[in-house]
């Protein structure tokens, strides 16, 4: 089978495979280790509207400056306060270079990030109602062949002395209604 546009053959599918395709090829995939994905713990946030690192970080070294990095992740856990008072973002730290916050642009005194978590907490159950922040298809264009570390960060936008408990509930009792989960971040290098 041959595909043409404007009288020029663009792609062919034969018994030997596909030819004529360039760009968009998956070059490598990096994700957190099993031990990081499965660990439980907490992130204490002592200041309002300040981002704090989670242990969910990965490092990828692109093979070309034209490569794109496709980011995906899932963070499971529970906050010590109502979910609506928190935000998430990623940071991109290029080895020997700059650190960039991947978030909405500054907008006055508004809190900015990628997203607030979906609401899992409700008032009569403040210690066993976890939530999950899930994202996929975030395409980054770092324009480097240096190692890049992407770190998932959390922010208490309105309450100081807040805590995010990852891969567990606030109350970690050994009972069926105190769930455990997994969290991860994955990066894939895509050829331009």
N, C-alpha and C. Protein backbone atom coordinates (compact mmCIF):
# COMPACT_ATOMS: atom_id res chain seq x y z
N UNK A 1 0.86 -1.17 0.00
CA UNK A 1 0.00 0.00 0.00
C UNK A 1 0.91 1.23 0.00
N UNK A 2 0.62 2.17 -0.89
CA UNK A 2 1.40 3.41 -0.95
C UNK A 2 0.46 4.59 -0.78
N UNK A 3 0.96 5.59 -0.03
CA UNK A 3 0.19 6.81 0.19
C UNK A 3 0.95 7.98 -0.43
N UNK A 4 0.24 8.76 -1.23
CA UNK A 4 0.87 9.89 -1.92
C UNK A 4 0.04 11.15 -1.73
N UNK A 5 0.74 12.29 -1.75
CA UNK A 5 0.07 13.59 -1.79
C UNK A 5 0.82 14.45 -2.80
N UNK A 6 0.08 15.15 -3.62
CA UNK A 6 0.71 16.01 -4.63
C UNK A 6 1.61 15.25 -5.56
N UNK A 7 1.31 13.97 -5.83
CA UNK A 7 2.12 13.17 -6.74
C UNK A 7 3.41 12.65 -6.13
N UNK A 8 3.63 12.89 -4.82
CA UNK A 8 4.84 12.44 -4.15
C UNK A 8 4.48 11.34 -3.15
N UNK A 9 5.20 10.20 -3.27
CA UNK A 9 4.95 9.11 -2.32
C UNK A 9 5.42 9.54 -0.94
N UNK A 10 4.53 9.47 0.05
CA UNK A 10 4.83 9.90 1.41
C UNK A 10 5.09 8.72 2.36
N UNK A 11 4.40 7.61 2.13
CA UNK A 11 4.51 6.47 3.03
C UNK A 11 4.15 5.21 2.26
N UNK A 12 4.79 4.09 2.64
CA UNK A 12 4.46 2.80 2.04
C UNK A 12 4.39 1.74 3.13
N UNK A 13 3.42 0.86 3.03
CA UNK A 13 3.29 -0.27 3.94
C UNK A 13 3.46 -1.53 3.11
N UNK A 14 4.49 -2.32 3.46
CA UNK A 14 4.78 -3.56 2.73
C UNK A 14 4.91 -4.70 3.74
N UNK A 15 5.18 -5.90 3.21
CA UNK A 15 5.43 -7.04 4.10
C UNK A 15 6.66 -6.83 4.97
N UNK A 16 7.56 -5.96 4.53
CA UNK A 16 8.79 -5.68 5.28
C UNK A 16 8.60 -4.63 6.37
N UNK A 17 7.50 -3.90 6.33
CA UNK A 17 7.26 -2.86 7.33
C UNK A 17 6.75 -1.58 6.72
N UNK A 18 6.94 -0.49 7.46
CA UNK A 18 6.47 0.83 7.06
C UNK A 18 7.69 1.68 6.70
N UNK A 19 7.61 2.43 5.62
CA UNK A 19 8.69 3.33 5.24
C UNK A 19 8.12 4.71 4.95
N UNK A 20 9.01 5.70 4.95
CA UNK A 20 8.61 7.06 4.60
C UNK A 20 8.08 7.87 5.77
N UNK A 21 8.18 7.34 6.99
CA UNK A 21 7.70 8.06 8.17
C UNK A 21 8.90 8.62 8.91
N UNK A 22 8.83 9.88 9.25
CA UNK A 22 9.87 10.46 10.09
C UNK A 22 9.20 11.27 11.19
N UNK A 23 9.90 11.43 12.29
CA UNK A 23 9.36 12.18 13.42
C UNK A 23 8.32 11.39 14.18
N UNK A 24 8.14 11.75 15.41
CA UNK A 24 7.14 11.13 16.24
C UNK A 24 7.53 9.76 16.78
N UNK A 25 8.74 9.32 16.52
CA UNK A 25 9.19 8.00 16.95
C UNK A 25 9.57 8.04 18.44
N UNK A 26 9.13 7.02 19.17
CA UNK A 26 9.47 6.90 20.59
C UNK A 26 10.92 6.45 20.71
N UNK A 27 11.75 7.26 21.37
CA UNK A 27 13.17 6.95 21.47
C UNK A 27 13.55 6.31 22.81
N UNK A 28 12.90 6.73 23.91
CA UNK A 28 13.20 6.14 25.22
C UNK A 28 12.08 6.47 26.20
N UNK A 29 11.97 5.64 27.23
CA UNK A 29 10.99 5.83 28.30
C UNK A 29 11.70 5.70 29.64
N UNK A 30 11.41 6.63 30.55
CA UNK A 30 11.98 6.61 31.90
C UNK A 30 10.82 6.77 32.88
N UNK A 31 10.84 5.99 33.97
CA UNK A 31 9.82 6.12 35.00
C UNK A 31 10.46 5.91 36.37
N UNK A 32 9.72 6.20 37.42
CA UNK A 32 10.26 6.01 38.77
C UNK A 32 10.45 4.53 39.05
N UNK A 33 11.31 4.22 39.98
CA UNK A 33 11.55 2.83 40.36
C UNK A 33 10.34 2.27 41.12
N UNK A 34 10.25 0.96 41.21
CA UNK A 34 9.16 0.32 41.96
C UNK A 34 9.16 0.79 43.40
N UNK A 35 10.35 0.93 44.01
CA UNK A 35 10.41 1.31 45.43
C UNK A 35 9.87 2.73 45.63
N UNK A 36 10.15 3.65 44.71
CA UNK A 36 9.59 5.01 44.81
C UNK A 36 8.09 4.97 44.56
N UNK A 37 7.67 4.24 43.54
CA UNK A 37 6.25 4.16 43.19
C UNK A 37 5.41 3.63 44.35
N UNK A 38 5.96 2.72 45.14
CA UNK A 38 5.20 2.05 46.20
C UNK A 38 5.38 2.66 47.59
N UNK A 39 6.35 3.54 47.78
CA UNK A 39 6.64 4.06 49.11
C UNK A 39 5.51 4.94 49.65
N UNK A 40 5.35 4.96 50.95
CA UNK A 40 4.39 5.86 51.59
C UNK A 40 5.17 6.89 52.39
N UNK A 41 4.56 8.04 52.57
CA UNK A 41 5.22 9.10 53.32
C UNK A 41 4.39 10.36 53.29
N UNK A 42 5.04 11.47 53.57
CA UNK A 42 4.31 12.74 53.58
C UNK A 42 5.21 13.89 53.17
N UNK A 43 4.57 14.96 52.71
CA UNK A 43 5.25 16.21 52.37
C UNK A 43 4.63 17.29 53.26
N UNK A 44 5.42 17.88 54.13
CA UNK A 44 4.94 18.95 55.01
C UNK A 44 5.11 20.29 54.31
N UNK A 45 4.07 21.10 54.37
CA UNK A 45 4.07 22.42 53.74
C UNK A 45 3.86 23.47 54.83
N UNK A 46 4.94 24.14 55.22
CA UNK A 46 4.87 25.09 56.33
C UNK A 46 4.48 26.49 55.90
N UNK A 47 4.62 26.80 54.61
CA UNK A 47 4.31 28.15 54.11
C UNK A 47 3.17 28.11 53.11
N UNK A 48 2.40 29.18 53.09
CA UNK A 48 1.29 29.31 52.15
C UNK A 48 1.83 29.67 50.77
N UNK A 49 1.22 29.07 49.75
CA UNK A 49 1.52 29.35 48.35
C UNK A 49 3.00 29.18 48.01
N UNK A 50 3.59 28.12 48.53
CA UNK A 50 4.97 27.74 48.25
C UNK A 50 4.96 26.29 47.80
N UNK A 51 5.67 26.00 46.71
CA UNK A 51 5.71 24.63 46.21
C UNK A 51 6.80 23.83 46.92
N UNK A 52 6.47 22.55 47.18
CA UNK A 52 7.37 21.62 47.84
C UNK A 52 7.53 20.38 46.97
N UNK A 53 8.76 19.84 46.93
CA UNK A 53 9.03 18.64 46.15
C UNK A 53 8.36 17.42 46.76
N UNK A 54 7.89 16.53 45.89
CA UNK A 54 7.49 15.18 46.29
C UNK A 54 8.65 14.27 45.91
N UNK A 55 8.64 13.01 46.32
CA UNK A 55 9.71 12.10 45.90
C UNK A 55 9.54 11.60 44.46
N UNK A 56 8.52 12.08 43.77
CA UNK A 56 8.23 11.58 42.43
C UNK A 56 8.92 12.45 41.40
N UNK A 57 10.13 12.00 41.03
CA UNK A 57 10.99 12.74 40.10
C UNK A 57 11.68 11.72 39.20
N UNK A 58 11.94 12.14 37.97
CA UNK A 58 12.66 11.28 37.03
C UNK A 58 13.66 12.13 36.26
N UNK A 59 14.71 11.47 35.78
CA UNK A 59 15.72 12.15 34.97
C UNK A 59 15.80 11.45 33.62
N UNK A 60 15.78 12.25 32.57
CA UNK A 60 15.88 11.75 31.20
C UNK A 60 16.90 12.62 30.46
N UNK A 61 17.69 12.00 29.60
CA UNK A 61 18.68 12.73 28.81
C UNK A 61 18.30 12.59 27.34
N UNK A 62 17.76 13.65 26.73
CA UNK A 62 17.36 13.58 25.32
C UNK A 62 18.56 13.34 24.41
N UNK A 63 18.32 12.65 23.30
CA UNK A 63 19.39 12.36 22.34
C UNK A 63 19.56 13.47 21.30
N UNK A 64 18.60 14.40 21.22
CA UNK A 64 18.68 15.51 20.26
C UNK A 64 17.97 16.73 20.84
N UNK A 65 18.44 17.92 20.47
CA UNK A 65 17.80 19.14 20.97
C UNK A 65 16.41 19.33 20.39
N UNK A 66 16.12 18.66 19.29
CA UNK A 66 14.79 18.79 18.67
C UNK A 66 13.76 17.84 19.28
N UNK A 67 14.19 16.94 20.17
CA UNK A 67 13.27 15.98 20.77
C UNK A 67 12.26 16.66 21.67
N UNK A 68 11.09 16.06 21.76
CA UNK A 68 10.04 16.48 22.69
C UNK A 68 10.02 15.46 23.82
N UNK A 69 9.58 15.88 25.00
CA UNK A 69 9.43 14.98 26.14
C UNK A 69 7.95 14.91 26.49
N UNK A 70 7.39 13.71 26.41
CA UNK A 70 6.00 13.46 26.74
C UNK A 70 5.94 13.01 28.20
N UNK A 71 5.19 13.76 29.02
CA UNK A 71 5.12 13.50 30.47
C UNK A 71 3.76 12.96 30.86
N UNK A 72 3.77 11.98 31.75
CA UNK A 72 2.55 11.37 32.27
C UNK A 72 2.77 11.10 33.75
N UNK A 73 1.72 11.13 34.53
CA UNK A 73 1.88 10.83 35.94
C UNK A 73 0.58 10.55 36.64
N UNK A 74 0.72 10.02 37.83
CA UNK A 74 -0.41 9.67 38.69
C UNK A 74 0.08 9.81 40.13
N UNK A 75 -0.57 10.66 40.90
CA UNK A 75 -0.20 10.84 42.30
C UNK A 75 -1.41 10.51 43.16
N UNK A 76 -1.26 9.54 44.06
CA UNK A 76 -2.32 9.08 44.94
C UNK A 76 -2.01 9.52 46.36
N UNK A 77 -3.02 9.99 47.07
CA UNK A 77 -2.80 10.34 48.47
C UNK A 77 -3.93 11.17 49.04
N UNK A 78 -3.67 11.72 50.22
CA UNK A 78 -4.69 12.52 50.89
C UNK A 78 -4.04 13.73 51.56
N UNK A 79 -4.76 14.84 51.53
CA UNK A 79 -4.30 16.08 52.17
C UNK A 79 -4.87 16.19 53.58
N UNK A 80 -4.18 16.96 54.41
CA UNK A 80 -4.64 17.18 55.78
C UNK A 80 -5.78 18.18 55.85
N UNK A 81 -6.02 18.91 54.76
CA UNK A 81 -7.11 19.88 54.68
C UNK A 81 -7.91 19.61 53.41
N UNK A 82 -8.96 20.40 53.18
CA UNK A 82 -9.78 20.24 51.97
C UNK A 82 -8.92 20.30 50.72
N UNK A 83 -9.19 19.40 49.77
CA UNK A 83 -8.40 19.29 48.54
C UNK A 83 -8.35 20.59 47.75
N UNK A 84 -9.39 21.39 47.81
CA UNK A 84 -9.44 22.61 47.01
C UNK A 84 -8.40 23.65 47.41
N UNK A 85 -7.71 23.44 48.51
CA UNK A 85 -6.69 24.38 48.98
C UNK A 85 -5.28 24.01 48.52
N UNK A 86 -5.17 23.15 47.53
CA UNK A 86 -3.86 22.69 47.07
C UNK A 86 -3.76 22.78 45.56
N UNK A 87 -2.52 22.83 45.06
CA UNK A 87 -2.25 22.82 43.62
C UNK A 87 -1.03 21.97 43.35
N UNK A 88 -0.93 21.52 42.09
CA UNK A 88 0.19 20.71 41.61
C UNK A 88 0.90 21.41 40.46
N UNK A 89 2.19 21.13 40.32
CA UNK A 89 2.95 21.54 39.14
C UNK A 89 4.16 20.62 38.99
N UNK A 90 4.85 20.78 37.87
CA UNK A 90 6.11 20.10 37.61
C UNK A 90 7.22 21.14 37.53
N UNK A 91 8.43 20.75 37.90
CA UNK A 91 9.59 21.57 37.59
C UNK A 91 10.47 20.79 36.63
N UNK A 92 11.14 21.53 35.76
CA UNK A 92 12.11 20.97 34.82
C UNK A 92 13.46 21.57 35.16
N UNK A 93 14.40 20.76 35.66
CA UNK A 93 15.74 21.23 35.99
C UNK A 93 16.72 20.63 34.99
N UNK A 94 17.35 21.47 34.20
CA UNK A 94 18.33 21.02 33.20
C UNK A 94 19.71 21.05 33.85
N UNK A 95 20.40 19.91 33.80
CA UNK A 95 21.72 19.81 34.41
C UNK A 95 22.65 20.88 33.85
N UNK A 96 23.25 21.66 34.74
CA UNK A 96 24.14 22.73 34.33
C UNK A 96 23.42 23.93 33.74
N UNK A 97 22.10 23.95 33.85
CA UNK A 97 21.32 25.04 33.25
C UNK A 97 20.25 25.56 34.20
N UNK A 98 19.11 25.88 33.64
CA UNK A 98 18.06 26.55 34.40
C UNK A 98 17.01 25.57 34.91
N UNK A 99 16.22 26.05 35.87
CA UNK A 99 15.06 25.32 36.36
C UNK A 99 13.82 26.12 35.95
N UNK A 100 12.86 25.43 35.37
CA UNK A 100 11.63 26.05 34.88
C UNK A 100 10.44 25.40 35.56
N UNK A 101 9.50 26.23 36.01
CA UNK A 101 8.26 25.71 36.57
C UNK A 101 7.27 25.50 35.43
N UNK A 102 6.73 24.29 35.34
CA UNK A 102 5.73 23.99 34.32
C UNK A 102 4.38 24.21 34.99
N UNK A 103 3.77 25.34 34.65
CA UNK A 103 2.54 25.78 35.30
C UNK A 103 1.89 26.87 34.46
N UNK A 104 0.70 27.28 34.86
CA UNK A 104 0.03 28.39 34.19
C UNK A 104 0.87 29.66 34.37
N UNK A 105 0.73 30.63 33.46
CA UNK A 105 1.48 31.88 33.62
C UNK A 105 0.98 32.67 34.83
N UNK A 106 1.86 33.48 35.40
CA UNK A 106 1.49 34.33 36.53
C UNK A 106 0.28 35.18 36.16
N UNK A 107 -0.62 35.35 37.12
CA UNK A 107 -1.86 36.09 36.89
C UNK A 107 -2.25 36.85 38.15
N UNK A 108 -1.54 37.94 38.41
CA UNK A 108 -1.83 38.73 39.60
C UNK A 108 -1.47 37.95 40.86
N UNK A 109 -2.37 37.96 41.84
CA UNK A 109 -2.08 37.27 43.10
C UNK A 109 -2.70 35.86 43.14
N UNK A 110 -3.14 35.37 41.98
CA UNK A 110 -3.72 34.03 41.92
C UNK A 110 -2.66 32.95 42.11
N UNK A 111 -3.05 31.84 42.72
CA UNK A 111 -2.18 30.67 42.77
C UNK A 111 -2.15 30.06 41.36
N UNK A 112 -0.98 29.61 40.92
CA UNK A 112 -0.86 29.00 39.60
C UNK A 112 -0.20 27.63 39.73
N UNK A 113 -0.54 26.77 38.81
CA UNK A 113 0.02 25.42 38.77
C UNK A 113 -0.51 24.73 37.54
N UNK A 114 -0.48 23.40 37.54
CA UNK A 114 -1.09 22.62 36.47
C UNK A 114 -2.56 22.45 36.77
N UNK A 115 -2.87 22.08 38.03
CA UNK A 115 -4.25 21.81 38.39
C UNK A 115 -4.41 21.70 39.90
N UNK A 116 -5.63 21.90 40.36
CA UNK A 116 -5.99 21.52 41.72
C UNK A 116 -6.35 20.05 41.68
N UNK A 117 -6.23 19.35 42.80
CA UNK A 117 -6.61 17.94 42.78
C UNK A 117 -8.12 17.79 42.70
N UNK A 118 -8.59 16.69 42.14
CA UNK A 118 -10.03 16.43 42.19
C UNK A 118 -10.42 16.23 43.66
N UNK A 119 -11.59 16.64 44.02
CA UNK A 119 -12.00 16.59 45.42
C UNK A 119 -12.29 15.17 45.87
N UNK A 120 -11.54 14.72 46.87
CA UNK A 120 -11.76 13.41 47.46
C UNK A 120 -12.21 13.54 48.90
N UNK A 121 -11.79 14.62 49.55
CA UNK A 121 -12.12 14.88 50.95
C UNK A 121 -13.55 15.38 51.09
N UNK A 122 -14.23 14.93 52.10
CA UNK A 122 -15.48 15.59 52.48
C UNK A 122 -15.53 15.67 54.00
N UNK A 123 -16.26 16.64 54.52
CA UNK A 123 -16.15 17.08 55.89
C UNK A 123 -16.30 16.00 56.95
N UNK A 124 -17.18 15.04 56.76
CA UNK A 124 -17.36 14.04 57.81
C UNK A 124 -16.33 12.91 57.71
N UNK A 125 -15.43 12.97 56.73
CA UNK A 125 -14.43 11.92 56.57
C UNK A 125 -13.13 12.57 56.14
N UNK A 126 -12.39 13.10 57.09
CA UNK A 126 -11.20 13.87 56.76
C UNK A 126 -9.90 13.09 56.88
N UNK A 127 -9.97 11.78 57.10
CA UNK A 127 -8.72 11.05 57.23
C UNK A 127 -8.68 9.73 56.49
N UNK A 128 -9.68 9.47 55.64
CA UNK A 128 -9.64 8.22 54.87
C UNK A 128 -10.34 8.36 53.52
N UNK A 129 -10.17 9.53 52.89
CA UNK A 129 -10.77 9.77 51.58
C UNK A 129 -9.69 10.29 50.63
N UNK A 130 -8.84 9.40 50.11
CA UNK A 130 -7.75 9.85 49.24
C UNK A 130 -8.26 10.33 47.88
N UNK A 131 -7.38 10.99 47.18
CA UNK A 131 -7.67 11.48 45.84
C UNK A 131 -6.50 11.09 44.94
N UNK A 132 -6.64 11.29 43.65
CA UNK A 132 -5.55 11.01 42.72
C UNK A 132 -5.47 12.13 41.70
N UNK A 133 -4.28 12.63 41.47
CA UNK A 133 -4.01 13.61 40.43
C UNK A 133 -3.42 12.83 39.26
N UNK A 134 -4.10 12.85 38.12
CA UNK A 134 -3.67 12.09 36.96
C UNK A 134 -3.50 13.04 35.79
N UNK A 135 -2.41 12.91 35.06
CA UNK A 135 -2.26 13.69 33.84
C UNK A 135 -1.52 12.87 32.81
N UNK A 136 -1.81 13.15 31.55
CA UNK A 136 -1.11 12.51 30.45
C UNK A 136 -1.08 13.47 29.28
N UNK A 137 -0.15 13.28 28.41
CA UNK A 137 -0.09 14.09 27.19
C UNK A 137 0.50 15.47 27.37
N UNK A 138 1.24 15.71 28.46
CA UNK A 138 1.90 17.00 28.63
C UNK A 138 3.21 16.94 27.85
N UNK A 139 3.29 17.70 26.76
CA UNK A 139 4.44 17.65 25.85
C UNK A 139 5.35 18.85 26.13
N UNK A 140 6.58 18.55 26.50
CA UNK A 140 7.57 19.59 26.83
C UNK A 140 8.62 19.65 25.71
N UNK A 141 9.14 20.84 25.48
CA UNK A 141 10.15 21.07 24.45
C UNK A 141 11.38 21.70 25.10
N UNK A 142 12.24 20.89 25.75
CA UNK A 142 13.35 21.45 26.52
C UNK A 142 14.53 21.95 25.70
N UNK A 143 14.66 21.55 24.44
CA UNK A 143 15.74 22.01 23.54
C UNK A 143 17.12 21.82 24.16
N UNK A 144 17.40 20.60 24.60
CA UNK A 144 18.71 20.31 25.19
C UNK A 144 19.03 18.84 25.03
N UNK A 145 20.33 18.51 25.15
CA UNK A 145 20.75 17.12 25.25
C UNK A 145 21.38 16.86 26.62
N UNK A 146 21.23 17.81 27.52
CA UNK A 146 21.68 17.62 28.91
C UNK A 146 20.61 16.85 29.68
N UNK A 147 21.02 16.24 30.78
CA UNK A 147 20.07 15.52 31.64
C UNK A 147 19.03 16.50 32.18
N UNK A 148 17.77 16.06 32.16
CA UNK A 148 16.65 16.87 32.66
C UNK A 148 15.98 16.10 33.78
N UNK A 149 15.76 16.76 34.91
CA UNK A 149 15.01 16.15 36.01
C UNK A 149 13.67 16.84 36.12
N UNK A 150 12.60 16.04 36.02
CA UNK A 150 11.24 16.53 36.21
C UNK A 150 10.79 16.09 37.59
N UNK A 151 10.28 17.03 38.39
CA UNK A 151 9.84 16.75 39.75
C UNK A 151 8.41 17.22 39.93
N UNK A 152 7.58 16.36 40.51
CA UNK A 152 6.20 16.70 40.82
C UNK A 152 6.20 17.46 42.14
N UNK A 153 5.56 18.64 42.18
CA UNK A 153 5.52 19.47 43.38
C UNK A 153 4.09 19.75 43.80
N UNK A 154 3.92 20.02 45.11
CA UNK A 154 2.61 20.30 45.69
C UNK A 154 2.68 21.62 46.46
N UNK A 155 1.55 22.32 46.49
CA UNK A 155 1.47 23.66 47.07
C UNK A 155 0.20 23.78 47.91
N UNK A 156 0.34 24.24 49.16
CA UNK A 156 -0.82 24.58 49.99
C UNK A 156 -1.13 26.05 49.72
N UNK A 157 -2.15 26.30 48.91
CA UNK A 157 -2.41 27.66 48.44
C UNK A 157 -2.97 28.59 49.50
N UNK A 158 -3.62 28.05 50.54
CA UNK A 158 -4.27 28.93 51.52
C UNK A 158 -4.03 28.57 52.97
N UNK A 159 -3.50 27.39 53.25
CA UNK A 159 -3.32 26.96 54.64
C UNK A 159 -1.87 26.58 54.90
N UNK A 160 -1.22 27.27 55.83
CA UNK A 160 0.12 26.85 56.22
C UNK A 160 0.00 25.63 57.12
N UNK A 161 1.11 24.99 57.35
CA UNK A 161 1.17 23.79 58.19
C UNK A 161 0.22 22.71 57.70
N UNK A 162 0.22 22.48 56.39
CA UNK A 162 -0.57 21.43 55.77
C UNK A 162 0.34 20.28 55.38
N UNK A 163 -0.26 19.11 55.17
CA UNK A 163 0.52 17.92 54.83
C UNK A 163 -0.18 17.15 53.73
N UNK A 164 0.62 16.63 52.79
CA UNK A 164 0.12 15.70 51.80
C UNK A 164 0.71 14.33 52.12
N UNK A 165 -0.16 13.35 52.31
CA UNK A 165 0.25 11.97 52.60
C UNK A 165 0.16 11.18 51.30
N UNK A 166 1.30 10.76 50.76
CA UNK A 166 1.28 10.08 49.46
C UNK A 166 1.22 8.56 49.61
N UNK A 167 0.46 7.98 48.70
CA UNK A 167 0.22 6.54 48.61
C UNK A 167 -0.47 5.97 49.85
N UNK A 168 -1.13 6.84 50.61
CA UNK A 168 -1.85 6.42 51.82
C UNK A 168 -2.86 7.48 52.19
N UNK A 169 -3.63 7.21 53.23
CA UNK A 169 -4.57 8.18 53.79
C UNK A 169 -3.90 8.94 54.93
N UNK A 170 -4.54 10.00 55.40
CA UNK A 170 -4.04 10.73 56.57
C UNK A 170 -3.94 9.76 57.74
N UNK A 171 -5.02 9.06 58.00
CA UNK A 171 -5.04 8.02 59.03
C UNK A 171 -4.57 6.73 58.36
N UNK A 172 -3.50 6.15 58.85
CA UNK A 172 -2.92 4.98 58.20
C UNK A 172 -3.26 3.69 58.95
N UNK A 173 -4.46 3.65 59.53
CA UNK A 173 -4.90 2.45 60.25
C UNK A 173 -4.96 1.25 59.33
N UNK A 174 -4.73 0.09 59.89
CA UNK A 174 -4.77 -1.15 59.13
C UNK A 174 -6.22 -1.64 59.06
N UNK A 175 -7.01 -0.99 58.21
CA UNK A 175 -8.42 -1.35 58.04
C UNK A 175 -8.80 -1.12 56.58
N UNK A 176 -9.87 -1.76 56.15
CA UNK A 176 -10.25 -1.73 54.74
C UNK A 176 -10.58 -0.34 54.22
N UNK A 177 -11.02 0.58 55.07
CA UNK A 177 -11.39 1.91 54.59
C UNK A 177 -10.26 2.93 54.67
N UNK A 178 -9.01 2.47 54.83
CA UNK A 178 -7.83 3.34 54.80
C UNK A 178 -6.93 2.84 53.67
N UNK A 179 -7.22 3.31 52.47
CA UNK A 179 -6.62 2.76 51.25
C UNK A 179 -5.12 3.10 51.12
N UNK A 180 -4.46 2.26 50.35
CA UNK A 180 -3.09 2.49 49.90
C UNK A 180 -3.13 2.53 48.38
N UNK A 181 -2.20 3.25 47.76
CA UNK A 181 -2.16 3.34 46.31
C UNK A 181 -0.74 3.50 45.81
N UNK A 182 -0.61 3.80 44.52
CA UNK A 182 0.69 3.97 43.88
C UNK A 182 0.77 5.36 43.25
N UNK A 183 1.99 5.87 43.12
CA UNK A 183 2.22 7.15 42.45
C UNK A 183 3.44 7.02 41.56
N UNK A 184 3.42 7.73 40.41
CA UNK A 184 4.57 7.67 39.50
C UNK A 184 4.57 8.87 38.56
N UNK A 185 5.71 9.05 37.94
CA UNK A 185 5.87 10.00 36.84
C UNK A 185 6.67 9.28 35.78
N UNK A 186 6.29 9.45 34.51
CA UNK A 186 6.94 8.81 33.38
C UNK A 186 7.25 9.85 32.32
N UNK A 187 8.43 9.75 31.71
CA UNK A 187 8.81 10.64 30.60
C UNK A 187 9.21 9.78 29.41
N UNK A 188 8.79 10.22 28.23
CA UNK A 188 9.16 9.55 26.99
C UNK A 188 9.75 10.56 26.03
N UNK A 189 10.91 10.22 25.47
CA UNK A 189 11.52 11.08 24.45
C UNK A 189 10.92 10.73 23.11
N UNK A 190 10.41 11.76 22.43
CA UNK A 190 9.79 11.61 21.12
C UNK A 190 10.64 12.36 20.08
N UNK A 191 11.02 11.68 19.01
CA UNK A 191 11.80 12.32 17.95
C UNK A 191 10.95 13.36 17.24
N UNK A 192 11.56 14.48 16.91
CA UNK A 192 10.83 15.57 16.22
C UNK A 192 10.57 15.20 14.77
